[in-house]
Amino acid sequence: DALVDSEWFCPGEIHSIIPTGNKWSKRKRQIETNKFHDNTHSNSLFYMRWYEAYKIRALKQRLEQYKIDEIQSFIKQKIQKINDVVRDEEIKLRLISSVILKPDHMQSDPDFLKRKYG
């Protein structure tokens, strides 16, 4: 047990985790070549790359238009809320002015009330 280094193996594995040997060097070379040459772009035809760029550009334009539409609808909603608040305040002011500033409407003549309601 003293000769076996348990840090080199995980439980249930029979090979080393630390990259050594031919298998790991092949993987390392393959990853480096994939990083250096992106296979999806460099090996595809020109018109395929152009079409992909066109789709990406069209998607970005649609997203920009969506953002603009969202901002415009948000502004419209806020303006509508402000208009509603202003309209409510105007109604309150008219009601208050009709009740408080013109008290003669509230204090009717007793003869008029007798004629109207009996």
PDB file of N, CA and C in Angstrom:
ATOM      1  N   ASP A   1       0.813  -1.194   0.000  1.00  0.00           N
ATOM      2  CA  ASP A   1       0.000   0.000   0.000  1.00  0.00           C
ATOM      3  C   ASP A   1       0.861   1.264   0.000  1.00  0.00           C
ATOM      4  N   ALA A   2       2.017   1.190   0.575  1.00  0.00           N
ATOM      5  CA  ALA A   2       2.873   2.364   0.640  1.00  0.00           C
ATOM      6  C   ALA A   2       3.431   2.709  -0.735  1.00  0.00           C
ATOM      7  N   LEU A   3       3.504   1.747  -1.645  1.00  0.00           N
ATOM      8  CA  LEU A   3       4.056   2.006  -2.968  1.00  0.00           C
ATOM      9  C   LEU A   3       3.027   2.608  -3.928  1.00  0.00           C
ATOM     10  N   VAL A   4       1.740   2.430  -3.644  1.00  0.00           N
ATOM     11  CA  VAL A   4       0.690   2.932  -4.528  1.00  0.00           C
ATOM     12  C   VAL A   4       0.339   4.357  -4.115  1.00  0.00           C
ATOM     13  N   ASP A   5       0.477   5.286  -5.065  1.00  0.00           N
ATOM     14  CA  ASP A   5       0.125   6.683  -4.804  1.00  0.00           C
ATOM     15  C   ASP A   5      -1.335   6.874  -5.203  1.00  0.00           C
ATOM     16  N   SER A   6      -2.199   7.060  -4.223  1.00  0.00           N
ATOM     17  CA  SER A   6      -3.639   7.132  -4.493  1.00  0.00           C
ATOM     18  C   SER A   6      -4.049   8.455  -5.140  1.00  0.00           C
ATOM     19  N   GLU A   7      -3.176   9.451  -5.171  1.00  0.00           N
ATOM     20  CA  GLU A   7      -3.521  10.721  -5.802  1.00  0.00           C
ATOM     21  C   GLU A   7      -3.522  10.622  -7.322  1.00  0.00           C
ATOM     22  N   TRP A   8      -2.904   9.602  -7.862  1.00  0.00           N
ATOM     23  CA  TRP A   8      -2.836   9.450  -9.311  1.00  0.00           C
ATOM     24  C   TRP A   8      -4.096   8.801  -9.867  1.00  0.00           C
ATOM     25  N   PHE A   9      -4.885   8.186  -9.032  1.00  0.00           N
ATOM     26  CA  PHE A   9      -6.066   7.468  -9.502  1.00  0.00           C
ATOM     27  C   PHE A   9      -7.288   7.894  -8.707  1.00  0.00           C
ATOM     28  N   CYS A  10      -8.413   7.971  -9.387  1.00  0.00           N
ATOM     29  CA  CYS A  10      -9.681   8.187  -8.708  1.00  0.00           C
ATOM     30  C   CYS A  10     -10.278   6.831  -8.387  1.00  0.00           C
ATOM     31  N   PRO A  11     -11.217   6.747  -7.456  1.00  0.00           N
ATOM     32  CA  PRO A  11     -11.838   5.461  -7.153  1.00  0.00           C
ATOM     33  C   PRO A  11     -12.544   4.895  -8.384  1.00  0.00           C
ATOM     34  N   GLY A  12     -12.281   3.664  -8.700  1.00  0.00           N
ATOM     35  CA  GLY A  12     -12.909   3.000  -9.835  1.00  0.00           C
ATOM     36  C   GLY A  12     -12.184   3.210 -11.149  1.00  0.00           C
ATOM     37  N   GLU A  13     -11.051   3.911 -11.164  1.00  0.00           N
ATOM     38  CA  GLU A  13     -10.305   4.126 -12.404  1.00  0.00           C
ATOM     39  C   GLU A  13      -9.057   3.265 -12.407  1.00  0.00           C
ATOM     40  N   ILE A  14      -8.658   2.887 -13.613  1.00  0.00           N
ATOM     41  CA  ILE A  14      -7.449   2.071 -13.729  1.00  0.00           C
ATOM     42  C   ILE A  14      -6.345   2.821 -14.447  1.00  0.00           C
ATOM     43  N   HIS A  15      -6.610   4.061 -14.876  1.00  0.00           N
ATOM     44  CA  HIS A  15      -5.578   4.852 -15.535  1.00  0.00           C
ATOM     45  C   HIS A  15      -5.362   6.154 -14.772  1.00  0.00           C
ATOM     46  N   SER A  16      -4.307   6.817 -15.097  1.00  0.00           N
ATOM     47  CA  SER A  16      -3.914   8.024 -14.377  1.00  0.00           C
ATOM     48  C   SER A  16      -4.772   9.215 -14.789  1.00  0.00           C
ATOM     49  N   ILE A  17      -5.073  10.075 -13.825  1.00  0.00           N
ATOM     50  CA  ILE A  17      -5.776  11.320 -14.120  1.00  0.00           C
ATOM     51  C   ILE A  17      -4.796  12.355 -14.658  1.00  0.00           C
ATOM     52  N   ILE A  18      -3.584  12.312 -14.184  1.00  0.00           N
ATOM     53  CA  ILE A  18      -2.575  13.278 -14.598  1.00  0.00           C
ATOM     54  C   ILE A  18      -2.192  12.972 -16.044  1.00  0.00           C
ATOM     55  N   PRO A  19      -2.174  14.005 -16.940  1.00  0.00           N
ATOM     56  CA  PRO A  19      -1.932  13.748 -18.359  1.00  0.00           C
ATOM     57  C   PRO A  19      -0.521  13.260 -18.637  1.00  0.00           C
ATOM     58  N   THR A  20      -0.404  11.989 -18.896  1.00  0.00           N
ATOM     59  CA  THR A  20       0.870  11.386 -19.277  1.00  0.00           C
ATOM     60  C   THR A  20       0.601  10.399 -20.397  1.00  0.00           C
ATOM     61  N   GLY A  21       1.593  10.107 -21.189  1.00  0.00           N
ATOM     62  CA  GLY A  21       1.474   9.076 -22.208  1.00  0.00           C
ATOM     63  C   GLY A  21       1.010   9.611 -23.550  1.00  0.00           C
ATOM     64  N   ASN A  22       0.888   8.680 -24.500  1.00  0.00           N
ATOM     65  CA  ASN A  22       0.576   8.997 -25.889  1.00  0.00           C
ATOM     66  C   ASN A  22      -0.853   9.523 -26.039  1.00  0.00           C
ATOM     67  N   LYS A  23      -1.796   8.941 -25.287  1.00  0.00           N
ATOM     68  CA  LYS A  23      -3.197   9.348 -25.392  1.00  0.00           C
ATOM     69  C   LYS A  23      -3.366  10.829 -25.055  1.00  0.00           C
ATOM     70  N   TRP A  24      -2.717  11.287 -24.010  1.00  0.00           N
ATOM     71  CA  TRP A  24      -2.848  12.674 -23.577  1.00  0.00           C
ATOM     72  C   TRP A  24      -2.147  13.629 -24.526  1.00  0.00           C
ATOM     73  N   SER A  25      -1.019  13.224 -25.067  1.00  0.00           N
ATOM     74  CA  SER A  25      -0.324  14.114 -26.003  1.00  0.00           C
ATOM     75  C   SER A  25      -1.133  14.279 -27.288  1.00  0.00           C
ATOM     76  N   LYS A  26      -1.822  13.210 -27.740  1.00  0.00           N
ATOM     77  CA  LYS A  26      -2.683  13.335 -28.925  1.00  0.00           C
ATOM     78  C   LYS A  26      -3.850  14.273 -28.640  1.00  0.00           C
ATOM     79  N   ARG A  27      -4.454  14.147 -27.472  1.00  0.00           N
ATOM     80  CA  ARG A  27      -5.570  15.038 -27.111  1.00  0.00           C
ATOM     81  C   ARG A  27      -5.116  16.492 -27.037  1.00  0.00           C
ATOM     82  N   LYS A  28      -3.943  16.704 -26.474  1.00  0.00           N
ATOM     83  CA  LYS A  28      -3.427  18.057 -26.343  1.00  0.00           C
ATOM     84  C   LYS A  28      -3.180  18.671 -27.716  1.00  0.00           C
ATOM     85  N   ARG A  29      -2.584  17.907 -28.627  1.00  0.00           N
ATOM     86  CA  ARG A  29      -2.355  18.413 -29.988  1.00  0.00           C
ATOM     87  C   ARG A  29      -3.676  18.707 -30.696  1.00  0.00           C
ATOM     88  N   GLN A  30      -4.655  17.834 -30.503  1.00  0.00           N
ATOM     89  CA  GLN A  30      -5.952  18.024 -31.150  1.00  0.00           C
ATOM     90  C   GLN A  30      -6.648  19.285 -30.624  1.00  0.00           C
ATOM     91  N   ILE A  31      -6.583  19.521 -29.337  1.00  0.00           N
ATOM     92  CA  ILE A  31      -7.190  20.725 -28.759  1.00  0.00           C
ATOM     93  C   ILE A  31      -6.481  21.975 -29.254  1.00  0.00           C
ATOM     94  N   GLU A  32      -5.164  21.925 -29.347  1.00  0.00           N
ATOM     95  CA  GLU A  32      -4.422  23.089 -29.829  1.00  0.00           C
ATOM     96  C   GLU A  32      -4.759  23.397 -31.280  1.00  0.00           C
ATOM     97  N   THR A  33      -4.898  22.363 -32.123  1.00  0.00           N
ATOM     98  CA  THR A  33      -5.263  22.619 -33.520  1.00  0.00           C
ATOM     99  C   THR A  33      -6.684  23.143 -33.624  1.00  0.00           C
ATOM    100  N   ASN A  34      -7.583  22.658 -32.759  1.00  0.00           N
ATOM    101  CA  ASN A  34      -8.952  23.171 -32.790  1.00  0.00           C
ATOM    102  C   ASN A  34      -9.006  24.624 -32.350  1.00  0.00           C
ATOM    103  N   LYS A  35      -8.166  24.997 -31.411  1.00  0.00           N
ATOM    104  CA  LYS A  35      -8.129  26.396 -30.994  1.00  0.00           C
ATOM    105  C   LYS A  35      -7.539  27.270 -32.094  1.00  0.00           C
ATOM    106  N   PHE A  36      -6.521  26.747 -32.785  1.00  0.00           N
ATOM    107  CA  PHE A  36      -5.849  27.536 -33.814  1.00  0.00           C
ATOM    108  C   PHE A  36      -6.727  27.694 -35.054  1.00  0.00           C
ATOM    109  N   HIS A  37      -7.369  26.618 -35.473  1.00  0.00           N
ATOM    110  CA  HIS A  37      -8.257  26.650 -36.643  1.00  0.00           C
ATOM    111  C   HIS A  37      -9.643  26.239 -36.198  1.00  0.00           C
ATOM    112  N   ASP A  38     -10.547  27.175 -36.247  1.00  0.00           N
ATOM    113  CA  ASP A  38     -11.926  26.844 -35.912  1.00  0.00           C
ATOM    114  C   ASP A  38     -12.506  26.081 -37.095  1.00  0.00           C
ATOM    115  N   ASN A  39     -12.756  24.794 -36.899  1.00  0.00           N
ATOM    116  CA  ASN A  39     -13.163  23.936 -38.013  1.00  0.00           C
ATOM    117  C   ASN A  39     -14.482  24.359 -38.627  1.00  0.00           C
ATOM    118  N   THR A  40     -15.399  24.888 -37.830  1.00  0.00           N
ATOM    119  CA  THR A  40     -16.711  25.229 -38.372  1.00  0.00           C
ATOM    120  C   THR A  40     -16.628  26.397 -39.339  1.00  0.00           C
ATOM    121  N   HIS A  41     -15.700  27.340 -39.119  1.00  0.00           N
ATOM    122  CA  HIS A  41     -15.613  28.487 -40.012  1.00  0.00           C
ATOM    123  C   HIS A  41     -14.570  28.295 -41.101  1.00  0.00           C
ATOM    124  N   SER A  42     -13.403  27.801 -40.769  1.00  0.00           N
ATOM    125  CA  SER A  42     -12.320  27.774 -41.745  1.00  0.00           C
ATOM    126  C   SER A  42     -12.545  26.728 -42.830  1.00  0.00           C
ATOM    127  N   ASN A  43     -13.243  25.634 -42.529  1.00  0.00           N
ATOM    128  CA  ASN A  43     -13.440  24.594 -43.532  1.00  0.00           C
ATOM    129  C   ASN A  43     -14.744  24.737 -44.297  1.00  0.00           C
ATOM    130  N   SER A  44     -15.628  25.649 -43.898  1.00  0.00           N
ATOM    131  CA  SER A  44     -16.895  25.807 -44.603  1.00  0.00           C
ATOM    132  C   SER A  44     -16.701  26.711 -45.815  1.00  0.00           C
ATOM    133  N   LEU A  45     -17.644  26.616 -46.744  1.00  0.00           N
ATOM    134  CA  LEU A  45     -17.567  27.400 -47.962  1.00  0.00           C
ATOM    135  C   LEU A  45     -17.857  28.868 -47.678  1.00  0.00           C
ATOM    136  N   PHE A  46     -17.444  29.716 -48.632  1.00  0.00           N
ATOM    137  CA  PHE A  46     -17.588  31.155 -48.441  1.00  0.00           C
ATOM    138  C   PHE A  46     -19.043  31.553 -48.290  1.00  0.00           C
ATOM    139  N   TYR A  47     -19.893  31.040 -49.174  1.00  0.00           N
ATOM    140  CA  TYR A  47     -21.295  31.459 -49.109  1.00  0.00           C
ATOM    141  C   TYR A  47     -21.962  30.972 -47.835  1.00  0.00           C
ATOM    142  N   MET A  48     -21.518  29.851 -47.257  1.00  0.00           N
ATOM    143  CA  MET A  48     -22.074  29.392 -45.981  1.00  0.00           C
ATOM    144  C   MET A  48     -21.659  30.340 -44.855  1.00  0.00           C
ATOM    145  N   ARG A  49     -20.407  30.764 -44.878  1.00  0.00           N
ATOM    146  CA  ARG A  49     -19.950  31.715 -43.865  1.00  0.00           C
ATOM    147  C   ARG A  49     -20.665  33.048 -44.025  1.00  0.00           C
ATOM    148  N   TRP A  50     -20.865  33.481 -45.292  1.00  0.00           N
ATOM    149  CA  TRP A  50     -21.569  34.730 -45.542  1.00  0.00           C
ATOM    150  C   TRP A  50     -23.009  34.638 -45.057  1.00  0.00           C
ATOM    151  N   TYR A  51     -23.668  33.499 -45.305  1.00  0.00           N
ATOM    152  CA  TYR A  51     -25.055  33.322 -44.886  1.00  0.00           C
ATOM    153  C   TYR A  51     -25.165  33.317 -43.360  1.00  0.00           C
ATOM    154  N   GLU A  52     -24.214  32.685 -42.682  1.00  0.00           N
ATOM    155  CA  GLU A  52     -24.202  32.698 -41.214  1.00  0.00           C
ATOM    156  C   GLU A  52     -24.046  34.126 -40.695  1.00  0.00           C
ATOM    157  N   ALA A  53     -23.141  34.884 -41.307  1.00  0.00           N
ATOM    158  CA  ALA A  53     -22.956  36.274 -40.887  1.00  0.00           C
ATOM    159  C   ALA A  53     -24.221  37.088 -41.153  1.00  0.00           C
ATOM    160  N   TYR A  54     -24.887  36.807 -42.287  1.00  0.00           N
ATOM    161  CA  TYR A  54     -26.141  37.498 -42.617  1.00  0.00           C
ATOM    162  C   TYR A  54     -27.214  37.189 -41.580  1.00  0.00           C
ATOM    163  N   LYS A  55     -27.333  35.919 -41.182  1.00  0.00           N
ATOM    164  CA  LYS A  55     -28.334  35.541 -40.182  1.00  0.00           C
ATOM    165  C   LYS A  55     -28.048  36.208 -38.843  1.00  0.00           C
ATOM    166  N   ILE A  56     -26.796  36.256 -38.457  1.00  0.00           N
ATOM    167  CA  ILE A  56     -26.427  36.886 -37.187  1.00  0.00           C
ATOM    168  C   ILE A  56     -26.734  38.379 -37.229  1.00  0.00           C
ATOM    169  N   ARG A  57     -26.409  39.022 -38.353  1.00  0.00           N
ATOM    170  CA  ARG A  57     -26.690  40.451 -38.489  1.00  0.00           C
ATOM    171  C   ARG A  57     -28.193  40.720 -38.456  1.00  0.00           C
ATOM    172  N   ALA A  58     -28.976  39.873 -39.138  1.00  0.00           N
ATOM    173  CA  ALA A  58     -30.434  40.042 -39.137  1.00  0.00           C
ATOM    174  C   ALA A  58     -31.003  39.842 -37.735  1.00  0.00           C
ATOM    175  N   LEU A  59     -30.469  38.870 -37.008  1.00  0.00           N
ATOM    176  CA  LEU A  59     -30.928  38.633 -35.641  1.00  0.00           C
ATOM    177  C   LEU A  59     -30.608  39.825 -34.743  1.00  0.00           C
ATOM    178  N   LYS A  60     -29.429  40.394 -34.901  1.00  0.00           N
ATOM    179  CA  LYS A  60     -29.064  41.569 -34.104  1.00  0.00           C
ATOM    180  C   LYS A  60     -29.981  42.749 -34.417  1.00  0.00           C
ATOM    181  N   GLN A  61     -30.323  42.919 -35.702  1.00  0.00           N
ATOM    182  CA  GLN A  61     -31.236  44.003 -36.068  1.00  0.00           C
ATOM    183  C   GLN A  61     -32.615  43.780 -35.463  1.00  0.00           C
ATOM    184  N   ARG A  62     -33.095  42.532 -35.486  1.00  0.00           N
ATOM    185  CA  ARG A  62     -34.392  42.234 -34.886  1.00  0.00           C
ATOM    186  C   ARG A  62     -34.375  42.494 -33.391  1.00  0.00           C
ATOM    187  N   LEU A  63     -33.284  42.138 -32.725  1.00  0.00           N
ATOM    188  CA  LEU A  63     -33.177  42.395 -31.289  1.00  0.00           C
ATOM    189  C   LEU A  63     -33.157  43.890 -30.998  1.00  0.00           C
ATOM    190  N   GLU A  64     -32.445  44.660 -31.820  1.00  0.00           N
ATOM    191  CA  GLU A  64     -32.428  46.107 -31.631  1.00  0.00           C
ATOM    192  C   GLU A  64     -33.818  46.693 -31.817  1.00  0.00           C
ATOM    193  N   GLN A  65     -34.534  46.235 -32.861  1.00  0.00           N
ATOM    194  CA  GLN A  65     -35.888  46.736 -33.093  1.00  0.00           C
ATOM    195  C   GLN A  65     -36.810  46.354 -31.944  1.00  0.00           C
ATOM    196  N   TYR A  66     -36.629  45.140 -31.410  1.00  0.00           N
ATOM    197  CA  TYR A  66     -37.435  44.704 -30.268  1.00  0.00           C
ATOM    198  C   TYR A  66     -37.177  45.598 -29.058  1.00  0.00           C
ATOM    199  N   LYS A  67     -35.908  45.918 -28.809  1.00  0.00           N
ATOM    200  CA  LYS A  67     -35.577  46.794 -27.681  1.00  0.00           C
ATOM    201  C   LYS A  67     -36.205  48.170 -27.862  1.00  0.00           C
ATOM    202  N   ILE A  68     -36.137  48.694 -29.082  1.00  0.00           N
ATOM    203  CA  ILE A  68     -36.728  50.007 -29.350  1.00  0.00           C
ATOM    204  C   ILE A  68     -38.231  49.963 -29.134  1.00  0.00           C
ATOM    205  N   ASP A  69     -38.888  48.908 -29.629  1.00  0.00           N
ATOM    206  CA  ASP A  69     -40.339  48.777 -29.443  1.00  0.00           C
ATOM    207  C   ASP A  69     -40.704  48.668 -27.969  1.00  0.00           C
ATOM    208  N   GLU A  70     -39.919  47.927 -27.209  1.00  0.00           N
ATOM    209  CA  GLU A  70     -40.176  47.792 -25.774  1.00  0.00           C
ATOM    210  C   GLU A  70     -40.032  49.138 -25.060  1.00  0.00           C
ATOM    211  N   ILE A  71     -39.014  49.889 -25.419  1.00  0.00           N
ATOM    212  CA  ILE A  71     -38.812  51.202 -24.798  1.00  0.00           C
ATOM    213  C   ILE A  71     -39.967  52.132 -25.137  1.00  0.00           C
ATOM    214  N   GLN A  72     -40.397  52.109 -26.410  1.00  0.00           N
ATOM    215  CA  GLN A  72     -41.512  52.972 -26.815  1.00  0.00           C
ATOM    216  C   GLN A  72     -42.800  52.603 -26.092  1.00  0.00           C
ATOM    217  N   SER A  73     -43.079  51.311 -25.976  1.00  0.00           N
ATOM    218  CA  SER A  73     -44.308  50.912 -25.272  1.00  0.00           C
ATOM    219  C   SER A  73     -44.225  51.266 -23.786  1.00  0.00           C
ATOM    220  N   PHE A  74     -43.048  51.154 -23.187  1.00  0.00           N
ATOM    221  CA  PHE A  74     -42.863  51.531 -21.792  1.00  0.00           C
ATOM    222  C   PHE A  74     -43.130  53.026 -21.602  1.00  0.00           C
ATOM    223  N   ILE A  75     -42.599  53.835 -22.509  1.00  0.00           N
ATOM    224  CA  ILE A  75     -42.805  55.282 -22.415  1.00  0.00           C
ATOM    225  C   ILE A  75     -44.278  55.621 -22.584  1.00  0.00           C
ATOM    226  N   LYS A  76     -44.952  54.959 -23.534  1.00  0.00           N
ATOM    227  CA  LYS A  76     -46.386  55.205 -23.727  1.00  0.00           C
ATOM    228  C   LYS A  76     -47.179  54.865 -22.471  1.00  0.00           C
ATOM    229  N   GLN A  77     -46.844  53.756 -21.833  1.00  0.00           N
ATOM    230  CA  GLN A  77     -47.541  53.366 -20.606  1.00  0.00           C
ATOM    231  C   GLN A  77     -47.312  54.391 -19.498  1.00  0.00           C
ATOM    232  N   LYS A  78     -46.087  54.869 -19.357  1.00  0.00           N
ATOM    233  CA  LYS A  78     -45.799  55.859 -18.317  1.00  0.00           C
ATOM    234  C   LYS A  78     -46.538  57.170 -18.590  1.00  0.00           C
ATOM    235  N   ILE A  79     -46.571  57.591 -19.844  1.00  0.00           N
ATOM    236  CA  ILE A  79     -47.300  58.819 -20.181  1.00  0.00           C
ATOM    237  C   ILE A  79     -48.782  58.648 -19.894  1.00  0.00           C
ATOM    238  N   GLN A  80     -49.330  57.472 -20.209  1.00  0.00           N
ATOM    239  CA  GLN A  80     -50.746  57.216 -19.935  1.00  0.00           C
ATOM    240  C   GLN A  80     -51.032  57.267 -18.433  1.00  0.00           C
ATOM    241  N   LYS A  81     -50.134  56.705 -17.626  1.00  0.00           N
ATOM    242  CA  LYS A  81     -50.309  56.760 -16.173  1.00  0.00           C
ATOM    243  C   LYS A  81     -50.273  58.198 -15.669  1.00  0.00           C
ATOM    244  N   ILE A  82     -49.338  58.983 -16.191  1.00  0.00           N
ATOM    245  CA  ILE A  82     -49.241  60.382 -15.779  1.00  0.00           C
ATOM    246  C   ILE A  82     -50.505  61.135 -16.172  1.00  0.00           C
ATOM    247  N   ASN A  83     -50.988  60.895 -17.389  1.00  0.00           N
ATOM    248  CA  ASN A  83     -52.226  61.552 -17.827  1.00  0.00           C
ATOM    249  C   ASN A  83     -53.408  61.158 -16.953  1.00  0.00           C
ATOM    250  N   ASP A  84     -53.475  59.896 -16.563  1.00  0.00           N
ATOM    251  CA  ASP A  84     -54.560  59.451 -15.678  1.00  0.00           C
ATOM    252  C   ASP A  84     -54.492  60.142 -14.319  1.00  0.00           C
ATOM    253  N   VAL A  85     -53.296  60.269 -13.776  1.00  0.00           N
ATOM    254  CA  VAL A  85     -53.136  60.943 -12.482  1.00  0.00           C
ATOM    255  C   VAL A  85     -53.528  62.411 -12.598  1.00  0.00           C
ATOM    256  N   VAL A  86     -53.098  63.063 -13.663  1.00  0.00           N
ATOM    257  CA  VAL A  86     -53.443  64.476 -13.861  1.00  0.00           C
ATOM    258  C   VAL A  86     -54.952  64.636 -14.015  1.00  0.00           C
ATOM    259  N   ARG A  87     -55.590  63.753 -14.774  1.00  0.00           N
ATOM    260  CA  ARG A  87     -57.036  63.817 -14.959  1.00  0.00           C
ATOM    261  C   ARG A  87     -57.762  63.620 -13.632  1.00  0.00           C
ATOM    262  N   ASP A  88     -57.305  62.657 -12.824  1.00  0.00           N
ATOM    263  CA  ASP A  88     -57.920  62.447 -11.508  1.00  0.00           C
ATOM    264  C   ASP A  88     -57.767  63.675 -10.613  1.00  0.00           C
ATOM    265  N   GLU A  89     -56.601  64.295 -10.641  1.00  0.00           N
ATOM    266  CA  GLU A  89     -56.384  65.495  -9.831  1.00  0.00           C
ATOM    267  C   GLU A  89     -57.269  66.644 -10.305  1.00  0.00           C
ATOM    268  N   GLU A  90     -57.445  66.763 -11.618  1.00  0.00           N
ATOM    269  CA  GLU A  90     -58.333  67.814 -12.130  1.00  0.00           C
ATOM    270  C   GLU A  90     -59.769  67.589 -11.667  1.00  0.00           C
ATOM    271  N   ILE A  91     -60.202  66.342 -11.684  1.00  0.00           N
ATOM    272  CA  ILE A  91     -61.561  66.030 -11.221  1.00  0.00           C
ATOM    273  C   ILE A  91     -61.704  66.354  -9.738  1.00  0.00           C
ATOM    274  N   LYS A  92     -60.698  66.004  -8.944  1.00  0.00           N
ATOM    275  CA  LYS A  92     -60.743  66.322  -7.512  1.00  0.00           C
ATOM    276  C   LYS A  92     -60.800  67.830  -7.289  1.00  0.00           C
ATOM    277  N   LEU A  93     -59.991  68.570  -8.029  1.00  0.00           N
ATOM    278  CA  LEU A  93     -59.987  70.026  -7.872  1.00  0.00           C
ATOM    279  C   LEU A  93     -61.329  70.631  -8.268  1.00  0.00           C
ATOM    280  N   ARG A  94     -61.933  70.129  -9.345  1.00  0.00           N
ATOM    281  CA  ARG A  94     -63.242  70.646  -9.743  1.00  0.00           C
ATOM    282  C   ARG A  94     -64.294  70.346  -8.688  1.00  0.00           C
ATOM    283  N   LEU A  95     -64.230  69.143  -8.131  1.00  0.00           N
ATOM    284  CA  LEU A  95     -65.190  68.774  -7.093  1.00  0.00           C
ATOM    285  C   LEU A  95     -65.009  69.638  -5.851  1.00  0.00           C
ATOM    286  N   ILE A  96     -63.760  69.811  -5.436  1.00  0.00           N
ATOM    287  CA  ILE A  96     -63.481  70.636  -4.257  1.00  0.00           C
ATOM    288  C   ILE A  96     -63.898  72.077  -4.502  1.00  0.00           C
ATOM    289  N   SER A  97     -63.599  72.589  -5.683  1.00  0.00           N
ATOM    290  CA  SER A  97     -63.968  73.982  -5.962  1.00  0.00           C
ATOM    291  C   SER A  97     -65.479  74.153  -6.030  1.00  0.00           C
ATOM    292  N   SER A  98     -66.189  73.150  -6.513  1.00  0.00           N
ATOM    293  CA  SER A  98     -67.648  73.279  -6.569  1.00  0.00           C
ATOM    294  C   SER A  98     -68.273  73.168  -5.186  1.00  0.00           C
ATOM    295  N   VAL A  99     -67.657  72.425  -4.274  1.00  0.00           N
ATOM    296  CA  VAL A  99     -68.226  72.244  -2.940  1.00  0.00           C
ATOM    297  C   VAL A  99     -67.773  73.345  -1.991  1.00  0.00           C
ATOM    298  N   ILE A 100     -66.489  73.654  -1.968  1.00  0.00           N
ATOM    299  CA  ILE A 100     -65.946  74.567  -0.966  1.00  0.00           C
ATOM    300  C   ILE A 100     -65.980  76.019  -1.425  1.00  0.00           C
ATOM    301  N   LEU A 101     -65.580  76.270  -2.640  1.00  0.00           N
ATOM    302  CA  LEU A 101     -65.483  77.653  -3.081  1.00  0.00           C
ATOM    303  C   LEU A 101     -66.837  78.267  -3.413  1.00  0.00           C
ATOM    304  N   LYS A 102     -67.830  77.431  -3.700  1.00  0.00           N
ATOM    305  CA  LYS A 102     -69.173  77.944  -3.986  1.00  0.00           C
ATOM    306  C   LYS A 102     -70.159  77.299  -3.019  1.00  0.00           C
ATOM    307  N   PRO A 103     -70.164  77.736  -1.764  1.00  0.00           N
ATOM    308  CA  PRO A 103     -71.019  77.074  -0.776  1.00  0.00           C
ATOM    309  C   PRO A 103     -72.495  77.377  -0.958  1.00  0.00           C
ATOM    310  N   ASP A 104     -72.840  78.362  -1.794  1.00  0.00           N
ATOM    311  CA  ASP A 104     -74.247  78.699  -1.956  1.00  0.00           C
ATOM    312  C   ASP A 104     -75.025  77.589  -2.654  1.00  0.00           C
ATOM    313  N   HIS A 105     -74.326  76.731  -3.406  1.00  0.00           N
ATOM    314  CA  HIS A 105     -75.018  75.607  -4.039  1.00  0.00           C
ATOM    315  C   HIS A 105     -75.449  74.571  -3.001  1.00  0.00           C
ATOM    316  N   MET A 106     -74.683  74.466  -1.939  1.00  0.00           N
ATOM    317  CA  MET A 106     -75.005  73.474  -0.917  1.00  0.00           C
ATOM    318  C   MET A 106     -76.115  73.970   0.025  1.00  0.00           C
ATOM    319  N   GLN A 107     -76.173  75.263   0.246  1.00  0.00           N
ATOM    320  CA  GLN A 107     -77.171  75.817   1.165  1.00  0.00           C
ATOM    321  C   GLN A 107     -78.357  76.324   0.342  1.00  0.00           C
ATOM    322  N   SER A 108     -79.285  75.462   0.133  1.00  0.00           N
ATOM    323  CA  SER A 108     -80.454  75.833  -0.671  1.00  0.00           C
ATOM    324  C   SER A 108     -81.495  76.545   0.195  1.00  0.00           C
ATOM    325  N   ASP A 109     -82.373  77.263  -0.461  1.00  0.00           N
ATOM    326  CA  ASP A 109     -83.455  78.003   0.185  1.00  0.00           C
ATOM    327  C   ASP A 109     -84.498  77.018   0.711  1.00  0.00           C
ATOM    328  N   PRO A 110     -84.968  77.176   1.966  1.00  0.00           N
ATOM    329  CA  PRO A 110     -85.966  76.233   2.498  1.00  0.00           C
ATOM    330  C   PRO A 110     -87.262  76.209   1.689  1.00  0.00           C
ATOM    331  N   ASP A 111     -87.663  77.337   1.133  1.00  0.00           N
ATOM    332  CA  ASP A 111     -88.886  77.353   0.314  1.00  0.00           C
ATOM    333  C   ASP A 111     -88.695  76.513  -0.955  1.00  0.00           C
ATOM    334  N   PHE A 112     -87.489  76.601  -1.550  1.00  0.00           N
ATOM    335  CA  PHE A 112     -87.198  75.823  -2.756  1.00  0.00           C
ATOM    336  C   PHE A 112     -87.225  74.328  -2.456  1.00  0.00           C
ATOM    337  N   LEU A 113     -86.671  73.950  -1.293  1.00  0.00           N
ATOM    338  CA  LEU A 113     -86.658  72.533  -0.924  1.00  0.00           C
ATOM    339  C   LEU A 113     -88.070  72.022  -0.660  1.00  0.00           C
ATOM    340  N   LYS A 114     -88.946  72.856  -0.057  1.00  0.00           N
ATOM    341  CA  LYS A 114     -90.331  72.441   0.190  1.00  0.00           C
ATOM    342  C   LYS A 114     -91.079  72.249  -1.115  1.00  0.00           C
ATOM    343  N   ARG A 115     -90.857  73.161  -2.070  1.00  0.00           N
ATOM    344  CA  ARG A 115     -91.532  73.031  -3.354  1.00  0.00           C
ATOM    345  C   ARG A 115     -91.044  71.802  -4.115  1.00  0.00           C
ATOM    346  N   LYS A 116     -89.739  71.515  -4.013  1.00  0.00           N
ATOM    347  CA  LYS A 116     -89.163  70.412  -4.786  1.00  0.00           C
ATOM    348  C   LYS A 116     -89.514  69.057  -4.188  1.00  0.00           C
ATOM    349  N   TYR A 117     -89.382  68.920  -2.879  1.00  0.00           N
ATOM    350  CA  TYR A 117     -89.557  67.606  -2.248  1.00  0.00           C
ATOM    351  C   TYR A 117     -90.856  67.481  -1.463  1.00  0.00           C
ATOM    352  N   GLY A 118     -91.569  68.545  -1.330  1.00  0.00           N
ATOM    353  CA  GLY A 118     -92.863  68.469  -0.682  1.00  0.00           C
ATOM    354  C   GLY A 118     -92.901  68.680   0.759  1.00  0.00           C
TER     355      GLY A 118
END
